[in-house]
PDB file of N, CA and C in Angstrom:
ATOM      1  N   MET A   1      36.576 -48.707 -41.257  1.00  0.00           N
ATOM      2  CA  MET A   1      37.087 -48.172 -40.010  1.00  0.00           C
ATOM      3  C   MET A   1      36.588 -48.983 -38.815  1.00  0.00           C
ATOM      4  N   LYS A   2      35.349 -49.463 -38.873  1.00  0.00           N
ATOM      5  CA  LYS A   2      34.832 -50.272 -37.779  1.00  0.00           C
ATOM      6  C   LYS A   2      35.641 -51.545 -37.606  1.00  0.00           C
ATOM      7  N   ARG A   3      36.063 -52.123 -38.734  1.00  0.00           N
ATOM      8  CA  ARG A   3      36.847 -53.364 -38.668  1.00  0.00           C
ATOM      9  C   ARG A   3      38.187 -53.118 -37.965  1.00  0.00           C
ATOM     10  N   LEU A   4      38.851 -52.012 -38.292  1.00  0.00           N
ATOM     11  CA  LEU A   4      40.109 -51.682 -37.635  1.00  0.00           C
ATOM     12  C   LEU A   4      39.879 -51.457 -36.147  1.00  0.00           C
ATOM     13  N   ALA A   5      38.821 -50.766 -35.802  1.00  0.00           N
ATOM     14  CA  ALA A   5      38.508 -50.522 -34.392  1.00  0.00           C
ATOM     15  C   ALA A   5      38.264 -51.831 -33.657  1.00  0.00           C
ATOM     16  N   ALA A   6      37.590 -52.774 -34.308  1.00  0.00           N
ATOM     17  CA  ALA A   6      37.329 -54.072 -33.685  1.00  0.00           C
ATOM     18  C   ALA A   6      38.636 -54.833 -33.475  1.00  0.00           C
ATOM     19  N   LEU A   7      39.520 -54.790 -34.459  1.00  0.00           N
ATOM     20  CA  LEU A   7      40.809 -55.461 -34.311  1.00  0.00           C
ATOM     21  C   LEU A   7      41.624 -54.825 -33.202  1.00  0.00           C
ATOM     22  N   CYS A   8      41.588 -53.513 -33.148  1.00  0.00           N
ATOM     23  CA  CYS A   8      42.338 -52.814 -32.114  1.00  0.00           C
ATOM     24  C   CYS A   8      41.792 -53.104 -30.727  1.00  0.00           C
ATOM     25  N   SER A   9      40.497 -53.162 -30.598  1.00  0.00           N
ATOM     26  CA  SER A   9      39.910 -53.382 -29.283  1.00  0.00           C
ATOM     27  C   SER A   9      40.192 -54.783 -28.764  1.00  0.00           C
ATOM     28  N   THR A  10      40.404 -55.734 -29.655  1.00  0.00           N
ATOM     29  CA  THR A  10      40.716 -57.091 -29.212  1.00  0.00           C
ATOM     30  C   THR A  10      42.208 -57.306 -29.056  1.00  0.00           C
ATOM     31  N   GLY A  11      43.010 -56.396 -29.546  1.00  0.00           N
ATOM     32  CA  GLY A  11      44.448 -56.541 -29.487  1.00  0.00           C
ATOM     33  C   GLY A  11      45.000 -57.429 -30.586  1.00  0.00           C
ATOM     34  N   LEU A  12      44.130 -57.961 -31.427  1.00  0.00           N
ATOM     35  CA  LEU A  12      44.564 -58.886 -32.472  1.00  0.00           C
ATOM     36  C   LEU A  12      45.518 -58.222 -33.453  1.00  0.00           C
ATOM     37  N   LEU A  13      45.215 -57.020 -33.856  1.00  0.00           N
ATOM     38  CA  LEU A  13      46.083 -56.334 -34.805  1.00  0.00           C
ATOM     39  C   LEU A  13      47.482 -56.146 -34.223  1.00  0.00           C
ATOM     40  N   LEU A  14      47.549 -55.749 -32.988  1.00  0.00           N
ATOM     41  CA  LEU A  14      48.853 -55.574 -32.354  1.00  0.00           C
ATOM     42  C   LEU A  14      49.604 -56.892 -32.257  1.00  0.00           C
ATOM     43  N   ALA A  15      48.912 -57.928 -31.896  1.00  0.00           N
ATOM     44  CA  ALA A  15      49.566 -59.220 -31.730  1.00  0.00           C
ATOM     45  C   ALA A  15      50.098 -59.758 -33.046  1.00  0.00           C
ATOM     46  N   LEU A  16      49.358 -59.559 -34.127  1.00  0.00           N
ATOM     47  CA  LEU A  16      49.765 -60.111 -35.415  1.00  0.00           C
ATOM     48  C   LEU A  16      50.787 -59.258 -36.138  1.00  0.00           C
ATOM     49  N   LEU A  17      50.629 -57.974 -36.077  1.00  0.00           N
ATOM     50  CA  LEU A  17      51.470 -57.094 -36.882  1.00  0.00           C
ATOM     51  C   LEU A  17      52.439 -56.248 -36.075  1.00  0.00           C
ATOM     52  N   ALA A  18      52.229 -56.204 -34.776  1.00  0.00           N
ATOM     53  CA  ALA A  18      53.075 -55.403 -33.892  1.00  0.00           C
ATOM     54  C   ALA A  18      53.141 -53.952 -34.341  1.00  0.00           C
ATOM     55  N   LEU A  19      52.021 -53.415 -34.753  1.00  0.00           N
ATOM     56  CA  LEU A  19      51.956 -52.019 -35.173  1.00  0.00           C
ATOM     57  C   LEU A  19      51.434 -51.155 -34.038  1.00  0.00           C
ATOM     58  N   PRO A  20      51.908 -49.925 -33.949  1.00  0.00           N
ATOM     59  CA  PRO A  20      51.436 -49.037 -32.897  1.00  0.00           C
ATOM     60  C   PRO A  20      50.114 -48.348 -33.248  1.00  0.00           C
ATOM     61  N   ALA A  21      49.372 -48.838 -34.225  1.00  0.00           N
ATOM     62  CA  ALA A  21      48.193 -48.150 -34.741  1.00  0.00           C
ATOM     63  C   ALA A  21      47.000 -48.154 -33.794  1.00  0.00           C
ATOM     64  N   CYS A  22      46.959 -49.035 -32.835  1.00  0.00           N
ATOM     65  CA  CYS A  22      45.743 -49.202 -32.033  1.00  0.00           C
ATOM     66  C   CYS A  22      45.652 -48.299 -30.823  1.00  0.00           C
ATOM     67  N   GLY A  23      46.694 -47.805 -30.314  1.00  0.00           N
ATOM     68  CA  GLY A  23      46.548 -46.979 -29.142  1.00  0.00           C
ATOM     69  C   GLY A  23      47.728 -46.061 -28.898  1.00  0.00           C
ATOM     70  N   GLY A  24      48.624 -46.017 -29.816  1.00  0.00           N
ATOM     71  CA  GLY A  24      49.761 -45.153 -29.662  1.00  0.00           C
ATOM     72  C   GLY A  24      50.967 -45.825 -29.041  1.00  0.00           C
ATOM     73  N   TYR A  25      50.831 -47.050 -28.545  1.00  0.00           N
ATOM     74  CA  TYR A  25      51.968 -47.757 -27.965  1.00  0.00           C
ATOM     75  C   TYR A  25      52.908 -48.190 -29.080  1.00  0.00           C
ATOM     76  N   ASP A  26      54.167 -47.840 -28.944  1.00  0.00           N
ATOM     77  CA  ASP A  26      55.185 -48.225 -29.918  1.00  0.00           C
ATOM     78  C   ASP A  26      56.239 -49.038 -29.171  1.00  0.00           C
ATOM     79  N   ALA A  27      56.176 -50.348 -29.347  1.00  0.00           N
ATOM     80  CA  ALA A  27      57.027 -51.269 -28.588  1.00  0.00           C
ATOM     81  C   ALA A  27      58.514 -50.999 -28.767  1.00  0.00           C
ATOM     82  N   CYS A  28      58.912 -50.456 -29.900  1.00  0.00           N
ATOM     83  CA  CYS A  28      60.335 -50.223 -30.173  1.00  0.00           C
ATOM     84  C   CYS A  28      60.666 -48.753 -30.360  1.00  0.00           C
ATOM     85  N   GLY A  29      59.734 -47.887 -30.017  1.00  0.00           N
ATOM     86  CA  GLY A  29      59.909 -46.455 -30.251  1.00  0.00           C
ATOM     87  C   GLY A  29      61.145 -45.852 -29.624  1.00  0.00           C
ATOM     88  N   ASP A  30      61.520 -46.310 -28.448  1.00  0.00           N
ATOM     89  CA  ASP A  30      62.685 -45.740 -27.758  1.00  0.00           C
ATOM     90  C   ASP A  30      63.770 -46.791 -27.535  1.00  0.00           C
ATOM     91  N   LYS A  31      63.757 -47.832 -28.379  1.00  0.00           N
ATOM     92  CA  LYS A  31      64.709 -48.932 -28.216  1.00  0.00           C
ATOM     93  C   LYS A  31      65.562 -49.104 -29.462  1.00  0.00           C
ATOM     94  N   ASP A  32      66.692 -49.757 -29.275  1.00  0.00           N
ATOM     95  CA  ASP A  32      67.597 -50.059 -30.371  1.00  0.00           C
ATOM     96  C   ASP A  32      67.347 -51.459 -30.898  1.00  0.00           C
ATOM     97  N   CYS A  33      67.836 -51.732 -32.078  1.00  0.00           N
ATOM     98  CA  CYS A  33      67.723 -53.056 -32.673  1.00  0.00           C
ATOM     99  C   CYS A  33      68.364 -54.070 -31.732  1.00  0.00           C
ATOM    100  N   GLY A  34      67.630 -55.144 -31.457  1.00  0.00           N
ATOM    101  CA  GLY A  34      68.101 -56.198 -30.568  1.00  0.00           C
ATOM    102  C   GLY A  34      67.625 -56.065 -29.141  1.00  0.00           C
ATOM    103  N   ASP A  35      67.092 -54.884 -28.772  1.00  0.00           N
ATOM    104  CA  ASP A  35      66.575 -54.708 -27.414  1.00  0.00           C
ATOM    105  C   ASP A  35      65.313 -55.542 -27.222  1.00  0.00           C
ATOM    106  N   PRO A  36      65.115 -56.113 -26.032  1.00  0.00           N
ATOM    107  CA  PRO A  36      63.894 -56.874 -25.768  1.00  0.00           C
ATOM    108  C   PRO A  36      62.673 -55.953 -25.800  1.00  0.00           C
ATOM    109  N   CYS A  37      61.530 -56.513 -26.197  1.00  0.00           N
ATOM    110  CA  CYS A  37      60.300 -55.730 -26.282  1.00  0.00           C
ATOM    111  C   CYS A  37      59.095 -56.631 -26.015  1.00  0.00           C
ATOM    112  N   THR A  38      57.965 -55.989 -25.825  1.00  0.00           N
ATOM    113  CA  THR A  38      56.687 -56.696 -25.699  1.00  0.00           C
ATOM    114  C   THR A  38      55.717 -56.083 -26.689  1.00  0.00           C
ATOM    115  N   VAL A  39      54.911 -56.929 -27.311  1.00  0.00           N
ATOM    116  CA  VAL A  39      53.903 -56.447 -28.249  1.00  0.00           C
ATOM    117  C   VAL A  39      52.812 -55.708 -27.488  1.00  0.00           C
ATOM    118  N   CYS A  40      52.471 -56.210 -26.312  1.00  0.00           N
ATOM    119  CA  CYS A  40      51.411 -55.591 -25.501  1.00  0.00           C
ATOM    120  C   CYS A  40      51.926 -54.357 -24.777  1.00  0.00           C
ATOM    121  N   ASP A  41      51.127 -53.334 -24.784  1.00  0.00           N
ATOM    122  CA  ASP A  41      51.391 -52.140 -23.992  1.00  0.00           C
ATOM    123  C   ASP A  41      51.344 -52.549 -22.518  1.00  0.00           C
ATOM    124  N   PRO A  42      52.364 -52.246 -21.741  1.00  0.00           N
ATOM    125  CA  PRO A  42      52.354 -52.607 -20.324  1.00  0.00           C
ATOM    126  C   PRO A  42      51.160 -52.047 -19.560  1.00  0.00           C
ATOM    127  N   ASP A  43      50.554 -50.986 -20.061  1.00  0.00           N
ATOM    128  CA  ASP A  43      49.384 -50.391 -19.412  1.00  0.00           C
ATOM    129  C   ASP A  43      48.065 -51.004 -19.856  1.00  0.00           C
ATOM    130  N   ASP A  44      48.095 -51.964 -20.788  1.00  0.00           N
ATOM    131  CA  ASP A  44      46.880 -52.591 -21.316  1.00  0.00           C
ATOM    132  C   ASP A  44      46.669 -53.947 -20.650  1.00  0.00           C
ATOM    133  N   SER A  45      45.843 -53.966 -19.630  1.00  0.00           N
ATOM    134  CA  SER A  45      45.608 -55.205 -18.877  1.00  0.00           C
ATOM    135  C   SER A  45      44.797 -56.233 -19.660  1.00  0.00           C
ATOM    136  N   ASP A  46      44.190 -55.838 -20.777  1.00  0.00           N
ATOM    137  CA  ASP A  46      43.403 -56.771 -21.588  1.00  0.00           C
ATOM    138  C   ASP A  46      44.238 -57.467 -22.660  1.00  0.00           C
ATOM    139  N   CYS A  47      45.435 -57.000 -22.908  1.00  0.00           N
ATOM    140  CA  CYS A  47      46.290 -57.582 -23.938  1.00  0.00           C
ATOM    141  C   CYS A  47      46.999 -58.810 -23.369  1.00  0.00           C
ATOM    142  N   VAL A  48      47.058 -59.870 -24.164  1.00  0.00           N
ATOM    143  CA  VAL A  48      47.722 -61.102 -23.740  1.00  0.00           C
ATOM    144  C   VAL A  48      48.984 -61.292 -24.576  1.00  0.00           C
ATOM    145  N   GLU A  49      50.110 -61.256 -23.914  1.00  0.00           N
ATOM    146  CA  GLU A  49      51.408 -61.402 -24.569  1.00  0.00           C
ATOM    147  C   GLU A  49      51.722 -62.881 -24.787  1.00  0.00           C
ATOM    148  N   SER A  50      52.256 -63.206 -25.941  1.00  0.00           N
ATOM    149  CA  SER A  50      52.669 -64.591 -26.185  1.00  0.00           C
ATOM    150  C   SER A  50      53.918 -64.887 -25.359  1.00  0.00           C
ATOM    151  N   ALA A  51      54.226 -66.163 -25.186  1.00  0.00           N
ATOM    152  CA  ALA A  51      55.392 -66.560 -24.404  1.00  0.00           C
ATOM    153  C   ALA A  51      56.694 -66.415 -25.183  1.00  0.00           C
ATOM    154  N   ALA A  52      56.607 -66.207 -26.491  1.00  0.00           N
ATOM    155  CA  ALA A  52      57.807 -66.093 -27.326  1.00  0.00           C
ATOM    156  C   ALA A  52      58.628 -64.870 -26.936  1.00  0.00           C
ATOM    157  N   VAL A  53      59.928 -65.044 -26.877  1.00  0.00           N
ATOM    158  CA  VAL A  53      60.834 -63.923 -26.599  1.00  0.00           C
ATOM    159  C   VAL A  53      60.892 -63.055 -27.844  1.00  0.00           C
ATOM    160  N   LYS A  54      60.727 -61.752 -27.651  1.00  0.00           N
ATOM    161  CA  LYS A  54      60.703 -60.821 -28.778  1.00  0.00           C
ATOM    162  C   LYS A  54      61.751 -59.737 -28.573  1.00  0.00           C
ATOM    163  N   SER A  55      62.210 -59.177 -29.697  1.00  0.00           N
ATOM    164  CA  SER A  55      63.143 -58.049 -29.653  1.00  0.00           C
ATOM    165  C   SER A  55      62.851 -57.131 -30.837  1.00  0.00           C
ATOM    166  N   CYS A  56      63.361 -55.913 -30.748  1.00  0.00           N
ATOM    167  CA  CYS A  56      63.165 -54.948 -31.828  1.00  0.00           C
ATOM    168  C   CYS A  56      64.086 -55.311 -32.989  1.00  0.00           C
ATOM    169  N   ASN A  57      63.537 -55.263 -34.201  1.00  0.00           N
ATOM    170  CA  ASN A  57      64.359 -55.567 -35.372  1.00  0.00           C
ATOM    171  C   ASN A  57      64.862 -54.275 -36.003  1.00  0.00           C
ATOM    172  N   ALA A  58      65.572 -54.406 -37.094  1.00  0.00           N
ATOM    173  CA  ALA A  58      66.173 -53.239 -37.765  1.00  0.00           C
ATOM    174  C   ALA A  58      65.133 -52.260 -38.295  1.00  0.00           C
ATOM    175  N   ARG A  59      63.902 -52.724 -38.512  1.00  0.00           N
ATOM    176  CA  ARG A  59      62.828 -51.841 -38.994  1.00  0.00           C
ATOM    177  C   ARG A  59      62.050 -51.209 -37.850  1.00  0.00           C
ATOM    178  N   GLY A  60      62.435 -51.496 -36.613  1.00  0.00           N
ATOM    179  CA  GLY A  60      61.753 -50.924 -35.458  1.00  0.00           C
ATOM    180  C   GLY A  60      60.478 -51.642 -35.098  1.00  0.00           C
ATOM    181  N   VAL A  61      60.391 -52.926 -35.452  1.00  0.00           N
ATOM    182  CA  VAL A  61      59.210 -53.729 -35.159  1.00  0.00           C
ATOM    183  C   VAL A  61      59.560 -54.761 -34.097  1.00  0.00           C
ATOM    184  N   CYS A  62      58.681 -54.924 -33.130  1.00  0.00           N
ATOM    185  CA  CYS A  62      58.853 -55.927 -32.085  1.00  0.00           C
ATOM    186  C   CYS A  62      58.431 -57.281 -32.667  1.00  0.00           C
ATOM    187  N   ALA A  63      59.372 -58.204 -32.785  1.00  0.00           N
ATOM    188  CA  ALA A  63      59.096 -59.491 -33.414  1.00  0.00           C
ATOM    189  C   ALA A  63      59.841 -60.601 -32.689  1.00  0.00           C
ATOM    190  N   THR A  64      59.514 -61.837 -33.021  1.00  0.00           N
ATOM    191  CA  THR A  64      60.158 -62.972 -32.388  1.00  0.00           C
ATOM    192  C   THR A  64      61.668 -62.848 -32.517  1.00  0.00           C
ATOM    193  N   ALA A  65      62.335 -62.943 -31.411  1.00  0.00           N
ATOM    194  CA  ALA A  65      63.784 -62.722 -31.371  1.00  0.00           C
ATOM    195  C   ALA A  65      64.531 -63.672 -32.302  1.00  0.00           C
ATOM    196  N   ALA A  66      64.053 -64.889 -32.464  1.00  0.00           N
ATOM    197  CA  ALA A  66      64.743 -65.880 -33.282  1.00  0.00           C
ATOM    198  C   ALA A  66      64.788 -65.480 -34.755  1.00  0.00           C
ATOM    199  N   THR A  67      63.852 -64.633 -35.196  1.00  0.00           N
ATOM    200  CA  THR A  67      63.802 -64.255 -36.610  1.00  0.00           C
ATOM    201  C   THR A  67      64.359 -62.856 -36.853  1.00  0.00           C
ATOM    202  N   ASN A  68      64.791 -62.178 -35.823  1.00  0.00           N
ATOM    203  CA  ASN A  68      65.282 -60.799 -35.972  1.00  0.00           C
ATOM    204  C   ASN A  68      66.732 -60.746 -36.392  1.00  0.00           C
ATOM    205  N   SER A  69      67.043 -59.747 -37.175  1.00  0.00           N
ATOM    206  CA  SER A  69      68.412 -59.511 -37.595  1.00  0.00           C
ATOM    207  C   SER A  69      68.706 -58.019 -37.478  1.00  0.00           C
ATOM    208  N   CYS A  70      69.820 -57.704 -36.872  1.00  0.00           N
ATOM    209  CA  CYS A  70      70.194 -56.304 -36.716  1.00  0.00           C
ATOM    210  C   CYS A  70      71.385 -55.944 -37.585  1.00  0.00           C
ATOM    211  N   GLY A  71      71.839 -56.862 -38.357  1.00  0.00           N
ATOM    212  CA  GLY A  71      73.033 -56.612 -39.145  1.00  0.00           C
ATOM    213  C   GLY A  71      72.714 -56.211 -40.504  1.00  0.00           C
TER     214      GLY A  71
END
């Protein structure tokens, strides 16, 4: 559990897996497939977003737009 907490506190888990496990932020929770998204919670000033354009995929995960498929 300490390891997960450490990953969450650094934002690394969110950046790598785009999971809402670290603080309740769900990047695609209220979005449709193909909608733009950010891995970082807009309220988290410590999170650093990559420059890659991301969108929600068919599984509801915020991922690099170039690899997403909604069909």
